[in-house]
N, C-alpha and C. Protein backbone atom coordinates (compact mmCIF):
# COMPACT_ATOMS: atom_id res chain seq x y z
N MET A 1 0.84 -1.18 0.00
CA MET A 1 0.00 0.00 0.00
C MET A 1 0.88 1.24 0.00
N THR A 2 0.63 2.13 -0.93
CA THR A 2 1.41 3.36 -1.00
C THR A 2 0.57 4.51 -0.45
N VAL A 3 1.24 5.41 0.21
CA VAL A 3 0.58 6.58 0.78
C VAL A 3 0.89 7.77 -0.10
N LYS A 4 -0.16 8.46 -0.55
CA LYS A 4 0.03 9.63 -1.40
C LYS A 4 0.22 10.86 -0.53
N LYS A 5 1.27 11.63 -0.81
CA LYS A 5 1.52 12.85 -0.07
C LYS A 5 0.62 13.96 -0.57
N ILE A 6 0.09 14.75 0.34
CA ILE A 6 -0.70 15.91 -0.03
C ILE A 6 0.25 17.08 -0.20
N ASN A 7 0.24 17.69 -1.37
CA ASN A 7 1.14 18.79 -1.67
C ASN A 7 0.46 20.11 -1.32
N ILE A 8 0.79 20.65 -0.17
CA ILE A 8 0.24 21.94 0.25
C ILE A 8 1.40 22.93 0.30
N LYS A 9 1.32 23.94 -0.54
CA LYS A 9 2.36 24.95 -0.58
C LYS A 9 1.83 26.22 0.08
N PHE A 10 2.24 26.45 1.31
CA PHE A 10 1.82 27.65 2.00
C PHE A 10 2.67 28.83 1.53
N ILE A 11 2.02 29.96 1.36
CA ILE A 11 2.76 31.18 1.03
C ILE A 11 3.55 31.63 2.26
N SER A 12 2.92 31.60 3.42
CA SER A 12 3.57 31.98 4.66
C SER A 12 3.26 30.94 5.73
N PRO A 13 4.13 29.95 5.93
CA PRO A 13 3.82 28.90 6.89
C PRO A 13 3.86 29.37 8.34
N ILE A 14 4.49 30.52 8.62
CA ILE A 14 4.58 31.02 9.99
C ILE A 14 3.24 31.62 10.42
N MET A 15 2.54 32.26 9.50
CA MET A 15 1.30 32.93 9.82
C MET A 15 0.18 31.91 10.03
N THR A 16 -0.53 32.03 11.14
CA THR A 16 -1.64 31.12 11.40
C THR A 16 -2.98 31.80 11.20
N VAL A 17 -3.02 33.13 11.20
CA VAL A 17 -4.26 33.88 11.00
C VAL A 17 -4.21 34.54 9.63
N PHE A 18 -5.27 34.35 8.85
CA PHE A 18 -5.31 34.90 7.50
C PHE A 18 -6.32 36.03 7.41
N LEU A 19 -6.00 37.02 6.61
CA LEU A 19 -6.90 38.12 6.31
C LEU A 19 -7.73 37.75 5.09
N PRO A 20 -8.90 38.38 4.90
CA PRO A 20 -9.67 38.11 3.68
C PRO A 20 -8.87 38.48 2.43
N GLY A 21 -8.81 37.56 1.49
CA GLY A 21 -8.08 37.79 0.25
C GLY A 21 -6.68 37.21 0.23
N GLU A 22 -6.19 36.72 1.35
CA GLU A 22 -4.85 36.13 1.38
C GLU A 22 -4.89 34.68 0.92
N THR A 23 -3.84 34.27 0.22
CA THR A 23 -3.74 32.91 -0.30
C THR A 23 -3.36 31.96 0.83
N ILE A 24 -4.12 30.86 0.92
CA ILE A 24 -3.83 29.84 1.93
C ILE A 24 -2.98 28.73 1.33
N CYS A 25 -3.40 28.17 0.18
CA CYS A 25 -2.66 27.09 -0.46
C CYS A 25 -3.14 26.95 -1.91
N ASP A 26 -2.53 26.02 -2.63
CA ASP A 26 -2.93 25.73 -4.00
C ASP A 26 -4.21 24.89 -4.00
N SER A 27 -5.00 25.04 -5.05
CA SER A 27 -6.26 24.29 -5.12
C SER A 27 -6.15 23.05 -5.99
N ASP A 28 -4.93 22.62 -6.30
CA ASP A 28 -4.76 21.44 -7.16
C ASP A 28 -5.35 20.19 -6.52
N ASP A 29 -4.93 19.87 -5.30
CA ASP A 29 -5.37 18.65 -4.64
C ASP A 29 -6.27 18.91 -3.45
N ASN A 30 -6.61 20.17 -3.17
CA ASN A 30 -7.37 20.51 -1.98
C ASN A 30 -8.79 20.92 -2.33
N ILE A 31 -9.68 20.86 -1.33
CA ILE A 31 -11.08 21.21 -1.50
C ILE A 31 -11.36 22.44 -0.65
N LYS A 32 -12.06 23.42 -1.23
CA LYS A 32 -12.39 24.61 -0.45
C LYS A 32 -13.53 24.30 0.49
N GLY A 33 -13.44 24.89 1.68
CA GLY A 33 -14.47 24.68 2.69
C GLY A 33 -15.04 26.02 3.13
N HIS A 34 -15.61 26.04 4.33
CA HIS A 34 -16.24 27.24 4.87
C HIS A 34 -15.19 28.33 5.08
N GLY A 35 -15.49 29.52 4.61
CA GLY A 35 -14.59 30.65 4.80
C GLY A 35 -13.51 30.77 3.75
N THR A 36 -13.62 30.00 2.66
CA THR A 36 -12.62 30.06 1.60
C THR A 36 -13.30 30.18 0.25
N GLN A 37 -12.54 30.61 -0.74
CA GLN A 37 -13.02 30.65 -2.12
C GLN A 37 -11.84 30.38 -3.04
N ILE A 38 -12.13 29.95 -4.25
CA ILE A 38 -11.09 29.65 -5.22
C ILE A 38 -10.92 30.83 -6.15
N VAL A 39 -9.69 31.33 -6.23
CA VAL A 39 -9.34 32.42 -7.14
C VAL A 39 -8.18 31.92 -7.99
N GLY A 40 -8.44 31.71 -9.27
CA GLY A 40 -7.42 31.14 -10.15
C GLY A 40 -7.15 29.71 -9.76
N LYS A 41 -5.91 29.42 -9.38
CA LYS A 41 -5.54 28.08 -8.93
C LYS A 41 -5.16 28.07 -7.46
N GLU A 42 -5.67 29.04 -6.70
CA GLU A 42 -5.35 29.14 -5.28
C GLU A 42 -6.61 29.18 -4.45
N ILE A 43 -6.52 28.67 -3.23
CA ILE A 43 -7.61 28.80 -2.27
C ILE A 43 -7.32 30.02 -1.41
N VAL A 44 -8.28 30.94 -1.38
CA VAL A 44 -8.10 32.24 -0.74
C VAL A 44 -9.08 32.35 0.43
N SER A 45 -8.65 33.00 1.50
CA SER A 45 -9.50 33.20 2.67
C SER A 45 -10.54 34.26 2.39
N SER A 46 -11.76 34.05 2.89
CA SER A 46 -12.79 35.08 2.80
C SER A 46 -13.19 35.58 4.19
N TYR A 47 -12.56 35.05 5.24
CA TYR A 47 -12.77 35.49 6.61
C TYR A 47 -11.44 35.89 7.23
N PHE A 48 -11.52 36.60 8.35
CA PHE A 48 -10.34 36.87 9.17
C PHE A 48 -10.32 35.82 10.27
N GLY A 49 -9.30 34.96 10.25
CA GLY A 49 -9.20 33.93 11.26
C GLY A 49 -8.18 32.88 10.90
N PRO A 50 -8.00 31.89 11.78
CA PRO A 50 -7.02 30.83 11.53
C PRO A 50 -7.55 29.81 10.53
N SER A 51 -6.64 29.23 9.77
CA SER A 51 -7.04 28.19 8.82
C SER A 51 -6.90 26.82 9.46
N LYS A 52 -7.72 25.90 8.98
CA LYS A 52 -7.70 24.53 9.49
C LYS A 52 -7.78 23.61 8.29
N ILE A 53 -6.83 22.68 8.18
CA ILE A 53 -6.80 21.74 7.07
C ILE A 53 -6.99 20.33 7.62
N ILE A 54 -8.09 19.70 7.23
CA ILE A 54 -8.38 18.33 7.65
C ILE A 54 -8.45 17.50 6.37
N ASN A 55 -7.54 16.53 6.26
CA ASN A 55 -7.37 15.73 5.05
C ASN A 55 -7.15 16.67 3.86
N LYS A 56 -8.12 16.86 2.99
CA LYS A 56 -7.97 17.77 1.85
C LYS A 56 -8.88 18.99 1.95
N LEU A 57 -9.66 19.07 3.02
CA LEU A 57 -10.61 20.17 3.20
C LEU A 57 -9.94 21.34 3.91
N VAL A 58 -9.96 22.52 3.27
CA VAL A 58 -9.35 23.72 3.82
C VAL A 58 -10.47 24.65 4.28
N THR A 59 -10.48 25.01 5.57
CA THR A 59 -11.48 25.92 6.10
C THR A 59 -10.80 27.05 6.85
N VAL A 60 -11.53 28.16 7.01
CA VAL A 60 -11.06 29.28 7.83
C VAL A 60 -12.13 29.52 8.88
N LEU A 61 -11.72 29.46 10.14
CA LEU A 61 -12.64 29.71 11.24
C LEU A 61 -12.73 31.21 11.48
N PRO A 62 -13.93 31.77 11.57
CA PRO A 62 -14.02 33.21 11.80
C PRO A 62 -13.48 33.58 13.18
N HIS A 63 -12.74 34.68 13.25
CA HIS A 63 -12.15 35.12 14.50
C HIS A 63 -13.22 35.64 15.46
N MET A 64 -14.24 36.30 14.92
CA MET A 64 -15.34 36.83 15.73
C MET A 64 -16.63 36.18 15.28
N ASN A 65 -17.54 35.95 16.19
CA ASN A 65 -18.78 35.25 15.87
C ASN A 65 -19.91 36.17 15.47
N TYR A 66 -19.65 37.45 15.34
CA TYR A 66 -20.70 38.37 14.92
C TYR A 66 -20.26 39.13 13.69
N ARG A 67 -21.20 39.75 13.03
CA ARG A 67 -20.89 40.56 11.87
C ARG A 67 -21.48 41.94 12.07
N TYR A 68 -21.00 42.89 11.32
CA TYR A 68 -21.44 44.27 11.46
C TYR A 68 -22.84 44.42 10.90
N THR A 69 -23.74 44.96 11.69
CA THR A 69 -25.09 45.28 11.24
C THR A 69 -25.44 46.68 11.71
N LEU A 70 -26.53 47.21 11.23
CA LEU A 70 -26.97 48.54 11.65
C LEU A 70 -27.51 48.54 13.07
N ARG A 71 -27.83 47.41 13.63
CA ARG A 71 -28.36 47.36 15.00
C ARG A 71 -27.31 47.76 16.02
N GLY A 72 -26.05 47.62 15.70
CA GLY A 72 -25.00 47.97 16.63
C GLY A 72 -24.78 49.47 16.75
N ARG A 73 -25.30 50.25 15.84
CA ARG A 73 -25.11 51.69 15.88
C ARG A 73 -26.09 52.31 16.87
N ARG A 74 -25.71 53.43 17.44
CA ARG A 74 -26.56 54.10 18.41
C ARG A 74 -27.46 55.10 17.69
N CYS A 75 -28.59 54.65 17.25
CA CYS A 75 -29.58 55.52 16.64
C CYS A 75 -30.96 54.97 16.95
N ARG A 76 -31.97 55.78 16.79
CA ARG A 76 -33.31 55.37 17.18
C ARG A 76 -34.11 54.79 16.03
N SER A 77 -33.68 55.00 14.82
CA SER A 77 -34.43 54.45 13.69
C SER A 77 -33.53 53.51 12.90
N TRP A 78 -34.13 52.69 12.04
CA TRP A 78 -33.38 51.73 11.23
C TRP A 78 -32.81 52.37 9.98
N THR A 79 -33.09 53.64 9.74
CA THR A 79 -32.64 54.28 8.51
C THR A 79 -31.33 55.01 8.66
N CYS A 80 -30.75 55.09 9.86
CA CYS A 80 -29.50 55.85 10.01
C CYS A 80 -28.28 55.03 9.73
């Protein structure tokens, strides 16, 4: 039985947290998961957070569990 090596070429192996738009790895043998998108032949982060690679699935966990909405602003109406 032969074991196939997964070829993951990190642009920056030291960095564990990725910004939106940063390249995580090549998309040749990997599958994009939650928080990622394919741009050209690379898997790119669409969230700010650490990446997690399980087998061939590449995901980015969001650093914060909330997103910006108008409810967070201090105003009395929904139109501001």
